[in-house]
Amino acid sequence: MSTTARKPWLLLPLAVLAAVFLAWFRDERMALVVFALPCLLATIGVALRRRTAGFWAGVLALVWFSHGVMVAWTRADERGYALAEIALALWIVLASSIPGLRARFAARRAG
């Protein structure tokens, strides 16, 4: 799968997750820097077709997933945001992993 073909599948959840973080942490500036800024930078990197942007988006998504699980278990009033974070993080991990999985299994079929 080419970079152009997978770009919307990675751009969409990154942009939506950035919007979730902006709504969730609208009153907390430091939390915006820690959560929303890396998400926005990953979105920009993917949009600009940076070679490693998808990889770093996947790595960051693992952190976002862990944070979402922790918040969903501990803070009932923020559970909706946390569940959205979990779902979007899983989507990002899957979307960023597809090119590598395709390359791995295509090599196996050819050999």
N, C-alpha and C. Protein backbone atom coordinates (compact mmCIF):
# COMPACT_ATOMS: atom_id res chain seq x y z
N MET A 1 0.85 -1.17 0.00
CA MET A 1 0.00 0.00 0.00
C MET A 1 0.89 1.23 0.00
N SER A 2 0.63 2.14 -0.88
CA SER A 2 1.46 3.33 -0.99
C SER A 2 1.15 4.30 0.14
N THR A 3 2.08 5.24 0.32
CA THR A 3 1.89 6.25 1.35
C THR A 3 0.64 7.08 1.08
N THR A 4 0.40 7.37 -0.19
CA THR A 4 -0.77 8.17 -0.55
C THR A 4 -2.06 7.44 -0.23
N ALA A 5 -2.09 6.13 -0.44
CA ALA A 5 -3.30 5.37 -0.19
C ALA A 5 -3.62 5.26 1.29
N ARG A 6 -2.62 5.19 2.15
CA ARG A 6 -2.88 5.00 3.57
C ARG A 6 -3.00 6.32 4.32
N LYS A 7 -2.64 7.41 3.70
CA LYS A 7 -2.61 8.70 4.38
C LYS A 7 -3.96 9.08 5.00
N PRO A 8 -5.08 8.98 4.31
CA PRO A 8 -6.35 9.36 4.95
C PRO A 8 -6.68 8.48 6.17
N TRP A 9 -6.30 7.22 6.12
CA TRP A 9 -6.61 6.32 7.23
C TRP A 9 -5.80 6.65 8.46
N LEU A 10 -4.69 7.35 8.30
CA LEU A 10 -3.90 7.77 9.45
C LEU A 10 -4.18 9.23 9.80
N LEU A 11 -4.44 10.05 8.81
CA LEU A 11 -4.71 11.47 9.07
C LEU A 11 -6.01 11.69 9.83
N LEU A 12 -7.04 10.97 9.45
CA LEU A 12 -8.35 11.16 10.08
C LEU A 12 -8.34 10.91 11.58
N PRO A 13 -7.85 9.75 12.06
CA PRO A 13 -7.87 9.55 13.52
C PRO A 13 -6.93 10.49 14.27
N LEU A 14 -5.81 10.87 13.64
CA LEU A 14 -4.92 11.83 14.29
C LEU A 14 -5.58 13.19 14.46
N ALA A 15 -6.25 13.64 13.43
CA ALA A 15 -6.94 14.94 13.50
C ALA A 15 -8.08 14.90 14.51
N VAL A 16 -8.84 13.81 14.51
CA VAL A 16 -9.96 13.70 15.45
C VAL A 16 -9.44 13.60 16.88
N LEU A 17 -8.35 12.86 17.08
CA LEU A 17 -7.78 12.76 18.43
C LEU A 17 -7.26 14.11 18.90
N ALA A 18 -6.65 14.88 18.01
CA ALA A 18 -6.22 16.23 18.38
C ALA A 18 -7.41 17.08 18.81
N ALA A 19 -8.52 16.96 18.10
CA ALA A 19 -9.74 17.70 18.47
C ALA A 19 -10.27 17.23 19.83
N VAL A 20 -10.21 15.93 20.08
CA VAL A 20 -10.65 15.40 21.39
C VAL A 20 -9.79 15.98 22.50
N PHE A 21 -8.46 16.00 22.28
CA PHE A 21 -7.56 16.56 23.30
C PHE A 21 -7.81 18.05 23.50
N LEU A 22 -8.06 18.78 22.42
CA LEU A 22 -8.34 20.22 22.55
C LEU A 22 -9.62 20.47 23.35
N ALA A 23 -10.63 19.65 23.16
CA ALA A 23 -11.87 19.80 23.92
C ALA A 23 -11.69 19.33 25.36
N TRP A 24 -10.98 18.23 25.54
CA TRP A 24 -10.81 17.64 26.86
C TRP A 24 -9.98 18.54 27.78
N PHE A 25 -8.88 19.05 27.26
CA PHE A 25 -7.94 19.82 28.08
C PHE A 25 -7.99 21.31 27.78
N ARG A 26 -9.15 21.82 27.43
CA ARG A 26 -9.26 23.22 27.02
C ARG A 26 -8.86 24.20 28.12
N ASP A 27 -8.98 23.81 29.38
CA ASP A 27 -8.65 24.71 30.49
C ASP A 27 -7.29 24.41 31.10
N GLU A 28 -6.58 23.43 30.58
CA GLU A 28 -5.29 23.04 31.15
C GLU A 28 -4.20 23.17 30.08
N ARG A 29 -3.44 24.24 30.15
CA ARG A 29 -2.45 24.53 29.12
C ARG A 29 -1.35 23.48 29.05
N MET A 30 -0.86 23.04 30.18
CA MET A 30 0.24 22.07 30.16
C MET A 30 -0.23 20.74 29.59
N ALA A 31 -1.43 20.33 29.90
CA ALA A 31 -1.96 19.08 29.34
C ALA A 31 -2.12 19.22 27.82
N LEU A 32 -2.49 20.40 27.34
CA LEU A 32 -2.57 20.62 25.90
C LEU A 32 -1.20 20.44 25.25
N VAL A 33 -0.17 20.95 25.90
CA VAL A 33 1.18 20.81 25.35
C VAL A 33 1.61 19.35 25.34
N VAL A 34 1.30 18.63 26.39
CA VAL A 34 1.73 17.23 26.51
C VAL A 34 0.94 16.31 25.59
N PHE A 35 -0.34 16.54 25.40
CA PHE A 35 -1.17 15.63 24.63
C PHE A 35 -1.50 16.14 23.23
N ALA A 36 -2.02 17.35 23.12
CA ALA A 36 -2.49 17.84 21.82
C ALA A 36 -1.34 18.20 20.88
N LEU A 37 -0.28 18.80 21.39
CA LEU A 37 0.81 19.22 20.52
C LEU A 37 1.49 18.06 19.79
N PRO A 38 1.86 16.96 20.48
CA PRO A 38 2.43 15.83 19.73
C PRO A 38 1.47 15.25 18.70
N CYS A 39 0.19 15.25 19.03
CA CYS A 39 -0.81 14.74 18.09
C CYS A 39 -0.89 15.64 16.86
N LEU A 40 -0.87 16.93 17.06
CA LEU A 40 -0.90 17.87 15.94
C LEU A 40 0.37 17.77 15.10
N LEU A 41 1.52 17.63 15.75
CA LEU A 41 2.77 17.49 15.01
C LEU A 41 2.80 16.20 14.20
N ALA A 42 2.28 15.12 14.76
CA ALA A 42 2.20 13.86 14.01
C ALA A 42 1.26 14.01 12.82
N THR A 43 0.17 14.72 13.00
CA THR A 43 -0.78 14.96 11.91
C THR A 43 -0.10 15.75 10.79
N ILE A 44 0.63 16.77 11.15
CA ILE A 44 1.34 17.57 10.15
C ILE A 44 2.40 16.73 9.44
N GLY A 45 3.14 15.92 10.20
CA GLY A 45 4.16 15.06 9.60
C GLY A 45 3.57 14.07 8.60
N VAL A 46 2.45 13.48 8.95
CA VAL A 46 1.80 12.53 8.04
C VAL A 46 1.28 13.27 6.80
N ALA A 47 0.70 14.45 7.02
CA ALA A 47 0.17 15.23 5.89
C ALA A 47 1.29 15.64 4.93
N LEU A 48 2.47 15.92 5.49
CA LEU A 48 3.62 16.31 4.66
C LEU A 48 4.39 15.11 4.12
N ARG A 49 3.88 13.91 4.41
CA ARG A 49 4.48 12.65 3.94
C ARG A 49 5.91 12.44 4.44
N ARG A 50 6.15 12.82 5.67
CA ARG A 50 7.45 12.54 6.28
C ARG A 50 7.58 11.03 6.43
N ARG A 51 8.75 10.52 6.15
CA ARG A 51 8.96 9.08 6.09
C ARG A 51 8.67 8.38 7.41
N THR A 52 9.07 8.98 8.52
CA THR A 52 8.92 8.32 9.82
C THR A 52 7.70 8.80 10.62
N ALA A 53 6.90 9.66 10.05
CA ALA A 53 5.76 10.22 10.79
C ALA A 53 4.76 9.14 11.19
N GLY A 54 4.48 8.20 10.30
CA GLY A 54 3.55 7.11 10.63
C GLY A 54 4.07 6.25 11.77
N PHE A 55 5.36 5.97 11.75
CA PHE A 55 5.96 5.18 12.83
C PHE A 55 5.79 5.89 14.16
N TRP A 56 6.16 7.19 14.22
CA TRP A 56 6.07 7.92 15.47
C TRP A 56 4.63 8.11 15.91
N ALA A 57 3.71 8.23 14.98
CA ALA A 57 2.30 8.31 15.34
C ALA A 57 1.87 7.01 16.02
N GLY A 58 2.34 5.86 15.50
CA GLY A 58 2.03 4.58 16.12
C GLY A 58 2.62 4.44 17.51
N VAL A 59 3.85 4.90 17.69
CA VAL A 59 4.49 4.85 19.01
C VAL A 59 3.74 5.73 20.00
N LEU A 60 3.42 6.95 19.58
CA LEU A 60 2.66 7.84 20.46
C LEU A 60 1.28 7.28 20.77
N ALA A 61 0.68 6.60 19.81
CA ALA A 61 -0.66 6.02 20.03
C ALA A 61 -0.64 4.98 21.15
N LEU A 62 0.46 4.28 21.32
CA LEU A 62 0.57 3.34 22.43
C LEU A 62 0.51 4.07 23.77
N VAL A 63 1.13 5.23 23.84
CA VAL A 63 1.08 6.05 25.06
C VAL A 63 -0.34 6.58 25.27
N TRP A 64 -0.95 7.05 24.18
CA TRP A 64 -2.32 7.57 24.29
C TRP A 64 -3.29 6.48 24.71
N PHE A 65 -3.11 5.27 24.19
CA PHE A 65 -3.95 4.14 24.57
C PHE A 65 -3.81 3.87 26.07
N SER A 66 -2.58 3.82 26.57
CA SER A 66 -2.35 3.56 28.00
C SER A 66 -2.98 4.66 28.85
N HIS A 67 -2.84 5.90 28.45
CA HIS A 67 -3.43 7.01 29.18
C HIS A 67 -4.96 6.89 29.20
N GLY A 68 -5.53 6.55 28.06
CA GLY A 68 -6.99 6.41 27.98
C GLY A 68 -7.51 5.31 28.88
N VAL A 69 -6.81 4.18 28.92
CA VAL A 69 -7.23 3.08 29.80
C VAL A 69 -7.16 3.51 31.26
N MET A 70 -6.07 4.18 31.62
CA MET A 70 -5.91 4.62 33.00
C MET A 70 -7.03 5.58 33.41
N VAL A 71 -7.33 6.54 32.55
CA VAL A 71 -8.36 7.52 32.87
C VAL A 71 -9.74 6.87 32.89
N ALA A 72 -10.01 5.97 31.95
CA ALA A 72 -11.32 5.30 31.91
C ALA A 72 -11.57 4.51 33.18
N TRP A 73 -10.53 3.93 33.76
CA TRP A 73 -10.69 3.15 34.98
C TRP A 73 -10.79 4.00 36.23
N THR A 74 -10.21 5.20 36.22
CA THR A 74 -10.10 5.96 37.46
C THR A 74 -10.99 7.18 37.56
N ARG A 75 -11.42 7.76 36.44
CA ARG A 75 -12.20 9.00 36.49
C ARG A 75 -13.49 8.86 35.69
N ALA A 76 -14.57 8.63 36.40
CA ALA A 76 -15.85 8.39 35.73
C ALA A 76 -16.33 9.61 34.94
N ASP A 77 -16.05 10.81 35.42
CA ASP A 77 -16.53 12.02 34.73
C ASP A 77 -15.79 12.27 33.41
N GLU A 78 -14.63 11.67 33.21
CA GLU A 78 -13.86 11.84 31.98
C GLU A 78 -13.86 10.57 31.12
N ARG A 79 -14.70 9.62 31.46
CA ARG A 79 -14.69 8.32 30.77
C ARG A 79 -15.00 8.43 29.28
N GLY A 80 -15.89 9.31 28.89
CA GLY A 80 -16.23 9.48 27.48
C GLY A 80 -15.03 9.90 26.65
N TYR A 81 -14.30 10.90 27.14
CA TYR A 81 -13.08 11.33 26.44
C TYR A 81 -12.07 10.18 26.39
N ALA A 82 -11.94 9.48 27.50
CA ALA A 82 -10.96 8.39 27.58
C ALA A 82 -11.30 7.26 26.60
N LEU A 83 -12.56 6.91 26.49
CA LEU A 83 -12.95 5.85 25.56
C LEU A 83 -12.72 6.28 24.11
N ALA A 84 -12.96 7.56 23.82
CA ALA A 84 -12.66 8.07 22.48
C ALA A 84 -11.16 8.01 22.22
N GLU A 85 -10.36 8.35 23.21
CA GLU A 85 -8.90 8.29 23.09
C GLU A 85 -8.45 6.85 22.83
N ILE A 86 -9.03 5.90 23.53
CA ILE A 86 -8.66 4.49 23.35
C ILE A 86 -9.00 4.04 21.92
N ALA A 87 -10.19 4.32 21.47
CA ALA A 87 -10.61 3.88 20.13
C ALA A 87 -9.74 4.51 19.04
N LEU A 88 -9.48 5.79 19.16
CA LEU A 88 -8.67 6.47 18.15
C LEU A 88 -7.22 6.00 18.19
N ALA A 89 -6.69 5.73 19.39
CA ALA A 89 -5.32 5.23 19.49
C ALA A 89 -5.19 3.86 18.84
N LEU A 90 -6.18 3.01 19.03
CA LEU A 90 -6.14 1.69 18.38
C LEU A 90 -6.20 1.84 16.86
N TRP A 91 -7.03 2.75 16.37
CA TRP A 91 -7.12 3.01 14.94
C TRP A 91 -5.77 3.50 14.39
N ILE A 92 -5.10 4.38 15.14
CA ILE A 92 -3.81 4.91 14.71
C ILE A 92 -2.76 3.80 14.67
N VAL A 93 -2.74 2.94 15.68
CA VAL A 93 -1.78 1.83 15.69
C VAL A 93 -2.01 0.93 14.49
N LEU A 94 -3.26 0.60 14.22
CA LEU A 94 -3.56 -0.25 13.08
C LEU A 94 -3.18 0.43 11.76
N ALA A 95 -3.57 1.67 11.59
CA ALA A 95 -3.28 2.39 10.34
C ALA A 95 -1.79 2.58 10.11
N SER A 96 -1.03 2.79 11.18
CA SER A 96 0.41 2.98 11.02
C SER A 96 1.15 1.65 10.82
N SER A 97 0.52 0.54 11.17
CA SER A 97 1.15 -0.77 11.04
C SER A 97 0.87 -1.46 9.71
N ILE A 98 -0.16 -1.07 9.02
CA ILE A 98 -0.57 -1.75 7.79
C ILE A 98 0.54 -1.81 6.74
N PRO A 99 1.26 -0.72 6.44
CA PRO A 99 2.31 -0.82 5.41
C PRO A 99 3.40 -1.85 5.76
N GLY A 100 3.80 -1.89 7.01
CA GLY A 100 4.81 -2.85 7.42
C GLY A 100 4.30 -4.28 7.36
N LEU A 101 3.07 -4.50 7.76
CA LEU A 101 2.49 -5.83 7.69
C LEU A 101 2.35 -6.30 6.25
N ARG A 102 1.93 -5.41 5.37
CA ARG A 102 1.82 -5.77 3.96
C ARG A 102 3.18 -6.13 3.38
N ALA A 103 4.19 -5.34 3.70
CA ALA A 103 5.53 -5.61 3.18
C ALA A 103 6.06 -6.94 3.71
N ARG A 104 5.82 -7.21 4.96
CA ARG A 104 6.30 -8.47 5.55
C ARG A 104 5.67 -9.68 4.89
N PHE A 105 4.34 -9.66 4.75
CA PHE A 105 3.66 -10.81 4.20
C PHE A 105 3.78 -10.90 2.67
N ALA A 106 4.02 -9.79 2.01
CA ALA A 106 4.26 -9.82 0.56
C ALA A 106 5.61 -10.47 0.29
N ALA A 107 6.59 -10.20 1.13
CA ALA A 107 7.93 -10.82 0.97
C ALA A 107 7.84 -12.33 1.20
N ARG A 108 7.02 -12.73 2.14
CA ARG A 108 6.86 -14.16 2.44
C ARG A 108 6.22 -14.89 1.25
N ARG A 109 5.22 -14.28 0.62
CA ARG A 109 4.55 -14.88 -0.52
C ARG A 109 5.48 -14.97 -1.72
N ALA A 110 6.31 -13.96 -1.92
CA ALA A 110 7.21 -13.94 -3.08
C ALA A 110 8.34 -14.95 -2.93
N GLY A 111 8.75 -15.23 -1.69
CA GLY A 111 9.90 -16.10 -1.47
C GLY A 111 9.55 -17.50 -1.30
